[in-house]
Protein backbone atom coordinates (compact mmCIF):
# COMPACT_ATOMS: atom_id res chain seq x y z
CA UNK A 1 9.73 12.01 -36.92
CA UNK A 2 13.32 12.68 -35.92
CA UNK A 3 14.96 10.96 -32.93
CA UNK A 4 14.89 14.30 -31.08
CA UNK A 5 11.17 14.72 -31.77
CA UNK A 6 10.51 11.14 -30.69
CA UNK A 7 12.38 11.70 -27.43
CA UNK A 8 10.39 14.89 -26.84
CA UNK A 9 7.12 13.04 -27.49
CA UNK A 10 8.06 10.32 -24.99
CA UNK A 11 9.06 12.94 -22.43
CA UNK A 12 5.79 14.81 -22.98
CA UNK A 13 3.76 11.60 -22.59
CA UNK A 14 5.68 10.81 -19.40
CA UNK A 15 4.91 14.30 -18.06
CA UNK A 16 1.22 13.84 -18.85
CA UNK A 17 1.20 10.47 -17.08
CA UNK A 18 2.96 11.96 -14.07
CA UNK A 19 0.44 14.82 -13.93
CA UNK A 20 -2.48 12.40 -14.16
CA UNK A 21 -1.08 10.24 -11.38
CA UNK A 22 -0.63 13.30 -9.16
CA UNK A 23 -4.33 14.09 -9.58
CA UNK A 24 -5.44 10.60 -8.58
CA UNK A 25 -5.82 9.11 -5.14
CA UNK A 26 -3.40 6.40 -3.95
CA UNK A 27 -5.71 3.62 -5.18
CA UNK A 28 -5.96 5.01 -8.71
CA UNK A 29 -4.85 1.64 -10.14
CA UNK A 30 -8.37 0.39 -9.44
CA UNK A 31 -9.22 1.91 -12.84
CA UNK A 32 -7.06 -0.73 -14.54
CA UNK A 33 -9.70 -3.38 -13.69
CA UNK A 34 -12.84 -2.55 -15.73
CA UNK A 35 -15.28 -4.25 -13.34
CA UNK A 36 -13.89 -2.42 -10.34
CA UNK A 37 -13.80 0.81 -12.29
CA UNK A 38 -17.48 0.37 -13.16
CA UNK A 39 -18.36 -0.39 -9.52
CA UNK A 40 -16.46 2.65 -8.24
CA UNK A 41 -17.98 4.82 -10.99
CA UNK A 42 -21.49 3.63 -10.08
CA UNK A 43 -20.96 4.31 -6.37
CA UNK A 44 -19.40 7.69 -7.19
CA UNK A 45 -22.41 8.64 -9.33
CA UNK A 46 -24.82 7.75 -6.52
CA UNK A 47 -22.70 9.71 -4.04
CA UNK A 48 -22.84 12.79 -6.27
CA UNK A 49 -26.62 12.47 -6.63
CA UNK A 50 -27.10 12.14 -2.88
CA UNK A 51 -24.86 15.10 -2.16
CA UNK A 52 -26.74 17.25 -4.71
CA UNK A 53 -30.13 16.21 -3.31
CA UNK A 54 -29.77 14.65 0.16
CA UNK A 55 -33.56 14.36 0.60
CA UNK A 56 -34.22 12.18 -2.46
CA UNK A 57 -34.82 8.43 -2.22
CA UNK A 58 -32.20 6.32 -3.95
CA UNK A 59 -31.79 2.61 -4.72
CA UNK A 60 -28.41 0.85 -4.87
CA UNK A 61 -28.85 -2.34 -6.90
CA UNK A 62 -26.29 -5.16 -7.26
CA UNK A 63 -26.28 -8.74 -8.46
CA UNK A 64 -24.45 -11.45 -6.52
CA UNK A 65 -22.78 -12.74 -9.69
CA UNK A 66 -21.43 -9.30 -10.51
CA UNK A 67 -20.13 -8.78 -6.98
CA UNK A 68 -18.36 -12.15 -7.17
CA UNK A 69 -16.64 -10.99 -10.35
CA UNK A 70 -15.68 -7.72 -8.65
CA UNK A 71 -14.09 -9.61 -5.77
CA UNK A 72 -12.04 -11.63 -8.27
CA UNK A 73 -11.00 -8.41 -10.02
CA UNK A 74 -9.95 -6.92 -6.69
CA UNK A 75 -7.80 -9.98 -6.00
CA UNK A 76 -6.16 -9.52 -9.40
CA UNK A 77 -5.53 -5.87 -8.63
CA UNK A 78 -3.80 -6.75 -5.36
CA UNK A 79 -1.71 -9.41 -7.06
CA UNK A 80 -0.68 -7.07 -9.89
CA UNK A 81 0.20 -4.34 -7.41
CA UNK A 82 2.27 -6.74 -5.35
CA UNK A 83 4.02 -8.06 -8.46
CA UNK A 84 5.00 -4.50 -9.33
CA UNK A 85 6.18 -3.89 -5.77
CA UNK A 86 8.34 -7.03 -5.69
CA UNK A 87 9.82 -6.33 -9.12
CA UNK A 88 10.70 -2.82 -8.00
CA UNK A 89 12.45 -4.34 -4.97
CA UNK A 90 14.33 -6.73 -7.25
CA UNK A 91 15.50 -3.77 -9.35
CA UNK A 92 16.67 -2.00 -6.17
CA UNK A 93 18.56 -5.14 -5.17
CA UNK A 94 20.19 -5.44 -8.59
CA UNK A 95 21.19 -1.75 -8.48
CA UNK A 96 22.44 -1.52 -4.89
CA UNK A 97 22.89 -4.98 -3.37
CA UNK A 98 23.98 -7.72 -5.77
CA UNK A 99 23.30 -11.24 -4.47
CA UNK A 100 20.44 -11.57 -1.98
CA UNK A 101 17.99 -14.04 -0.45
CA UNK A 102 14.27 -13.67 0.27
CA UNK A 103 12.75 -14.03 3.71
CA UNK A 104 9.16 -13.97 4.93
CA UNK A 105 9.04 -12.20 8.32
CA UNK A 106 5.89 -12.66 10.41
CA UNK A 107 5.06 -10.98 13.71
CA UNK A 108 2.65 -13.12 15.71
CA UNK A 109 0.99 -12.89 19.08
CA UNK A 110 -0.60 -15.37 21.45
CA UNK A 111 -4.26 -14.42 21.99
CA UNK A 112 -4.21 -15.39 25.69
CA UNK A 113 -0.92 -13.96 27.03
CA UNK A 114 -0.33 -11.33 24.31
CA UNK A 115 3.30 -12.39 24.03
CA UNK A 116 4.87 -11.39 20.73
CA UNK A 117 7.22 -13.44 18.60
CA UNK A 118 8.92 -13.17 15.21
CA UNK A 119 8.93 -16.01 12.69
CA UNK A 120 11.40 -15.89 9.81
CA UNK A 121 11.45 -18.31 6.90
CA UNK A 122 13.43 -18.47 3.66
CA UNK A 123 11.16 -17.71 0.71
CA UNK A 124 11.49 -18.80 -2.91
CA UNK A 125 10.87 -16.42 -5.79
CA UNK A 126 8.06 -18.73 -6.93
CA UNK A 127 6.30 -18.41 -3.56
CA UNK A 128 6.79 -14.66 -3.62
CA UNK A 129 4.92 -14.25 -6.90
CA UNK A 130 2.34 -17.02 -6.45
CA UNK A 131 0.98 -16.01 -3.02
CA UNK A 132 -0.21 -12.58 -1.86
CA UNK A 133 1.68 -11.15 1.11
CA UNK A 134 -1.16 -11.45 3.61
CA UNK A 135 -1.62 -15.13 2.76
CA UNK A 136 2.12 -15.66 3.25
CA UNK A 137 1.84 -14.46 6.84
CA UNK A 138 -1.32 -16.38 7.67
CA UNK A 139 0.03 -19.54 6.04
CA UNK A 140 3.10 -19.37 8.27
CA UNK A 141 1.03 -19.00 11.42
CA UNK A 142 -1.41 -21.79 10.52
CA UNK A 143 1.49 -24.21 10.89
CA UNK A 144 1.99 -23.26 14.55
CA UNK A 145 0.43 -23.89 17.93
CA UNK A 146 1.78 -21.94 20.91
CA UNK A 147 1.74 -23.28 24.49
CA UNK A 148 0.73 -20.41 26.78
CA UNK A 149 1.46 -22.31 29.99
CA UNK A 150 -1.97 -23.87 30.22
CA UNK A 151 -3.08 -24.89 26.74
CA UNK A 152 -2.09 -24.86 23.08
CA UNK A 153 -3.43 -21.83 21.18
CA UNK A 154 -3.34 -20.60 17.60
CA UNK A 155 -1.32 -17.37 17.25
CA UNK A 156 -2.75 -14.30 15.52
CA UNK A 157 -1.09 -12.13 12.90
CA UNK A 158 0.24 -8.72 13.96
CA UNK A 159 2.16 -7.84 10.81
CA UNK A 160 4.14 -9.50 8.03
CA UNK A 161 6.56 -8.39 5.35
CA UNK A 162 9.05 -9.68 2.80
CA UNK A 163 12.75 -8.95 3.33
CA UNK A 164 15.44 -8.95 0.65
CA UNK A 165 18.64 -9.82 2.54
CA UNK A 166 22.07 -9.15 0.99
CA UNK A 167 24.36 -12.18 1.12
CA UNK A 168 27.53 -10.09 0.84
CA UNK A 169 28.67 -6.53 1.70
CA UNK A 170 27.75 -3.80 -0.81
CA UNK A 171 29.14 -0.33 -1.54
CA UNK A 172 25.90 1.43 -0.57
CA UNK A 173 25.77 -0.03 2.94
CA UNK A 174 22.34 -1.62 2.36
CA UNK A 175 21.47 -4.06 5.16
CA UNK A 176 18.04 -5.08 3.87
CA UNK A 177 15.19 -4.06 1.59
CA UNK A 178 11.66 -4.65 2.87
CA UNK A 179 8.33 -4.68 1.04
CA UNK A 180 4.85 -4.53 2.55
CA UNK A 181 1.28 -3.77 1.48
CA UNK A 182 -1.91 -2.86 3.28
CA UNK A 183 -4.32 -5.55 4.42
CA UNK A 184 -7.50 -6.13 2.39
CA UNK A 185 -9.78 -4.13 4.69
CA UNK A 186 -7.41 -1.16 4.52
CA UNK A 187 -7.37 -1.35 0.73
CA UNK A 188 -11.16 -1.30 0.61
CA UNK A 189 -11.09 1.74 2.88
CA UNK A 190 -8.93 3.34 0.24
CA UNK A 191 -11.56 2.59 -2.40
CA UNK A 192 -13.91 4.76 -0.33
CA UNK A 193 -11.10 7.33 -0.12
CA UNK A 194 -11.07 7.34 -3.92
CA UNK A 195 -14.84 7.72 -4.27
CA UNK A 196 -14.87 10.75 -1.96
CA UNK A 197 -11.55 12.20 -3.17
CA UNK A 198 -10.17 12.02 0.37
CA UNK A 199 -6.66 13.03 -0.67
CA UNK A 200 -7.92 16.31 -2.09
CA UNK A 201 -10.28 16.80 0.87
CA UNK A 202 -7.43 16.73 3.39
CA UNK A 203 -5.32 18.99 1.19
CA UNK A 204 -8.05 21.63 1.13
CA UNK A 205 -9.04 21.37 4.80
CA UNK A 206 -6.36 22.93 6.99
CA UNK A 207 -7.65 20.99 10.03
CA UNK A 208 -7.04 17.69 8.23
CA UNK A 209 -4.01 18.59 6.11
CA UNK A 210 -1.46 17.47 8.71
CA UNK A 211 -2.82 13.92 8.45
CA UNK A 212 -2.79 13.66 4.66
CA UNK A 213 0.30 11.48 4.45
CA UNK A 214 -1.55 8.61 6.09
CA UNK A 215 -3.42 7.90 2.85
CA UNK A 216 -0.44 7.59 0.49
CA UNK A 217 1.15 4.29 1.43
CA UNK A 218 -0.71 1.36 -0.12
CA UNK A 219 2.45 -0.32 -1.44
CA UNK A 220 5.67 0.41 0.45
CA UNK A 221 9.42 -0.23 0.26
CA UNK A 222 11.90 0.33 3.09
CA UNK A 223 15.65 0.38 2.37
CA UNK A 224 17.78 0.05 5.51
CA UNK A 225 21.36 1.40 5.43
CA UNK A 226 24.00 1.92 8.09
CA UNK A 227 23.87 5.59 9.07
CA UNK A 228 22.19 8.93 8.18
CA UNK A 229 24.97 9.87 5.74
CA UNK A 230 24.32 6.68 3.79
CA UNK A 231 20.59 7.46 3.83
CA UNK A 232 21.21 10.75 2.03
CA UNK A 233 23.66 9.15 -0.40
CA UNK A 234 21.27 6.36 -1.35
CA UNK A 235 18.33 8.73 -1.73
CA UNK A 236 20.36 10.76 -4.22
CA UNK A 237 21.02 7.54 -6.14
CA UNK A 238 17.30 6.77 -6.20
CA UNK A 239 16.66 10.13 -7.83
CA UNK A 240 19.27 9.35 -10.51
CA UNK A 241 18.27 5.73 -11.15
CA UNK A 242 17.83 4.60 -14.72
CA UNK A 243 17.20 1.00 -15.80
CA UNK A 244 17.90 -0.39 -19.25
CA UNK A 245 15.61 -2.69 -21.23
CA UNK A 246 17.78 -5.67 -20.28
CA UNK A 247 17.61 -4.78 -16.56
CA UNK A 248 13.83 -4.50 -16.72
CA UNK A 249 13.47 -7.75 -18.64
CA UNK A 250 15.66 -9.51 -16.06
CA UNK A 251 12.93 -9.02 -13.43
CA UNK A 252 10.08 -9.80 -15.83
CA UNK A 253 9.10 -6.25 -16.82
CA UNK A 254 8.69 -4.72 -20.26
CA UNK A 255 10.86 -1.81 -21.37
CA UNK A 256 8.09 0.75 -20.97
CA UNK A 257 9.38 4.36 -20.75
CA UNK A 258 7.49 4.82 -17.46
CA UNK A 259 9.57 1.99 -15.94
CA UNK A 260 13.07 3.19 -16.76
CA UNK A 261 13.22 5.30 -13.57
CA UNK A 262 11.28 6.69 -10.63
CA UNK A 263 9.13 9.81 -10.81
CA UNK A 264 9.11 11.59 -7.43
CA UNK A 265 5.75 13.00 -6.37
CA UNK A 266 6.89 14.23 -2.94
CA UNK A 267 9.78 13.78 -0.51
CA UNK A 268 9.95 14.40 3.23
CA UNK A 269 13.38 14.67 4.84
CA UNK A 270 13.29 13.27 8.38
CA UNK A 271 17.10 13.09 8.49
CA UNK A 272 18.11 16.75 8.32
CA UNK A 273 14.68 18.03 9.38
CA UNK A 274 13.55 15.77 12.20
CA UNK A 275 9.93 16.75 12.86
CA UNK A 276 8.62 13.64 14.57
CA UNK A 277 8.59 13.68 18.38
CA UNK A 278 9.52 10.00 18.37
CA UNK A 279 12.92 10.75 16.84
CA UNK A 280 12.00 8.64 13.81
CA UNK A 281 14.53 9.15 11.00
CA UNK A 282 14.20 8.45 7.29
CA UNK A 283 13.97 9.94 3.83
CA UNK A 284 10.36 9.27 2.91
CA UNK A 285 9.18 9.66 -0.69
CA UNK A 286 6.09 8.97 -2.75
CA UNK A 287 7.06 7.87 -6.26
CA UNK A 288 5.42 6.56 -9.39
CA UNK A 289 6.89 3.71 -11.38
CA UNK A 290 5.21 1.93 -14.25
CA UNK A 291 2.04 3.95 -13.69
CA UNK A 292 1.68 2.91 -10.03
CA UNK A 293 2.30 4.77 -6.81
CA UNK A 294 4.71 3.54 -4.13
CA UNK A 295 6.08 4.85 -0.86
CA UNK A 296 9.86 4.49 -0.58
CA UNK A 297 11.66 4.98 2.75
CA UNK A 298 15.41 4.99 3.30
CA UNK A 299 16.19 4.51 6.99
CA UNK A 300 19.34 4.18 9.16
CA UNK A 301 19.91 0.81 10.84
CA UNK A 302 19.74 2.01 14.47
CA UNK A 303 16.37 3.64 13.85
CA UNK A 304 15.11 0.56 12.06
CA UNK A 305 15.92 -1.73 15.00
CA UNK A 306 14.32 0.68 17.45
CA UNK A 307 11.18 0.66 15.30
CA UNK A 308 11.27 -3.13 14.97
CA UNK A 309 11.68 -3.54 18.73
CA UNK A 310 8.49 -1.59 19.33
CA UNK A 311 6.44 -3.46 16.75
CA UNK A 312 4.07 -4.94 19.29
CA UNK A 313 0.37 -5.38 18.67
CA UNK A 314 -0.31 -2.39 20.92
CA UNK A 315 2.02 -0.03 19.05
CA UNK A 316 0.81 -1.38 15.71
CA UNK A 317 -2.78 -0.76 16.77
CA UNK A 318 -1.81 2.73 17.93
CA UNK A 319 -0.32 3.52 14.53
CA UNK A 320 -3.42 2.18 12.83
CA UNK A 321 -5.62 4.34 15.04
CA UNK A 322 -3.59 7.42 14.09
CA UNK A 323 -3.99 6.50 10.42
CA UNK A 324 -7.73 6.06 10.94
CA UNK A 325 -8.05 9.43 12.66
CA UNK A 326 -8.38 11.27 9.38
CA UNK A 327 -11.21 9.00 8.25
CA UNK A 328 -13.02 9.41 11.54
CA UNK A 329 -12.81 13.19 11.24
CA UNK A 330 -14.11 13.09 7.67
CA UNK A 331 -16.92 10.67 8.67
CA UNK A 332 -18.03 13.11 11.38
CA UNK A 333 -18.31 15.86 8.79
CA UNK A 334 -19.71 13.63 6.02
CA UNK A 335 -22.01 10.82 7.35
CA UNK A 336 -22.30 9.43 3.82
CA UNK A 337 -18.57 8.65 3.97
CA UNK A 338 -19.13 6.34 6.97
CA UNK A 339 -22.05 4.66 5.18
CA UNK A 340 -19.87 3.96 2.15
CA UNK A 341 -17.20 2.40 4.37
CA UNK A 342 -19.83 0.02 5.76
CA UNK A 343 -21.28 -0.55 2.30
CA UNK A 344 -17.98 -1.61 0.69
CA UNK A 345 -17.15 -3.88 3.61
CA UNK A 346 -20.60 -5.47 3.36
CA UNK A 347 -20.48 -5.90 -0.42
CA UNK A 348 -17.06 -7.52 -0.50
CA UNK A 349 -16.41 -9.09 2.89
CA UNK A 350 -19.81 -9.69 4.56
CA UNK A 351 -22.35 -10.36 1.77
CA UNK A 352 -24.46 -12.69 3.91
CA UNK A 353 -24.99 -10.18 6.74
CA UNK A 354 -27.69 -7.46 6.83
CA UNK A 355 -27.02 -4.52 4.51
CA UNK A 356 -25.99 -1.20 6.11
CA UNK A 357 -28.62 1.51 6.21
CA UNK A 358 -28.68 5.21 5.39
CA UNK A 359 -31.59 7.68 5.27
CA UNK A 360 -33.18 7.69 1.83
CA UNK A 361 -31.08 4.80 0.48
CA UNK A 362 -32.28 1.25 -0.11
CA UNK A 363 -29.75 -1.49 -0.93
CA UNK A 364 -30.97 -4.33 -3.14
CA UNK A 365 -29.00 -7.47 -4.09
CA UNK A 366 -30.47 -9.73 -6.76
CA UNK A 367 -29.53 -13.28 -7.68
């Protein structure tokens, strides 16, 4: 095979991969863990049977040992996804920033007075890759007690993220790069999204279509620059990015063709076409890299600080409720969808509580 033919074969394989990723839901990487893939396939099969014949009786059978293995596989999936996210951020830093330091940023709240505070701590690369993001936030808060004027209370977690802070000026005007992932319960909700093909459901249903972007942001990166002009400039650079084998190896990645650059699935321009009533500004893209899907935002500094200022528990809860709106609408139309949400939560998070119920379905867990 000539070099030209080899290049064409690689390009064709990359196009096939990109097409396959576009057809999958945001949590498609679940298929990379065989146990989870089997569990999702089993639940999907039962769903199809129930939808074909809603009046039949059906038994869902599980063993506790198997579910324990599935929980371990899910933890591995989260860790692998986070590793990919952090390595992508490192590549962005090496391309646009130069020298940087890591910080864990935690937003906490006192349960009695509802006062909000921000806790920032320098983070080592070892800690970044050895602890999942949610544990980083909770571990920070477990060290604290907050005096509310009457007694000492344990703060609760509102949100947490990892920031990559430049230690010197850079030509792209990058002030910080931020990574964040969804909490465990949200990720399990996305497993149900996968089983029911929620992404395709909202695309087909014109009443739900306007909410579809709420289910495409499992792993996210935010790049903060100075002004809107720098947002557009950096986004153009993202589209042109290409990493060599040495650059990939420097962050611990292999020189896989799917990792040499980003493949853009969709882009929404909230800089030149401001559609949000809030005045929120950013270039917001869904990309694939290394076979995984990420959301990448490039945002001007003034907008970032306005968003950060309003990151209270109330506003965070409001955003979450807007994100949940699509699932609530689907659950109203498809009661089985709501049952599966309860089922996954019970199987993974609440195995010792009573099983959820649904007409014609019996849930059995064996030792």
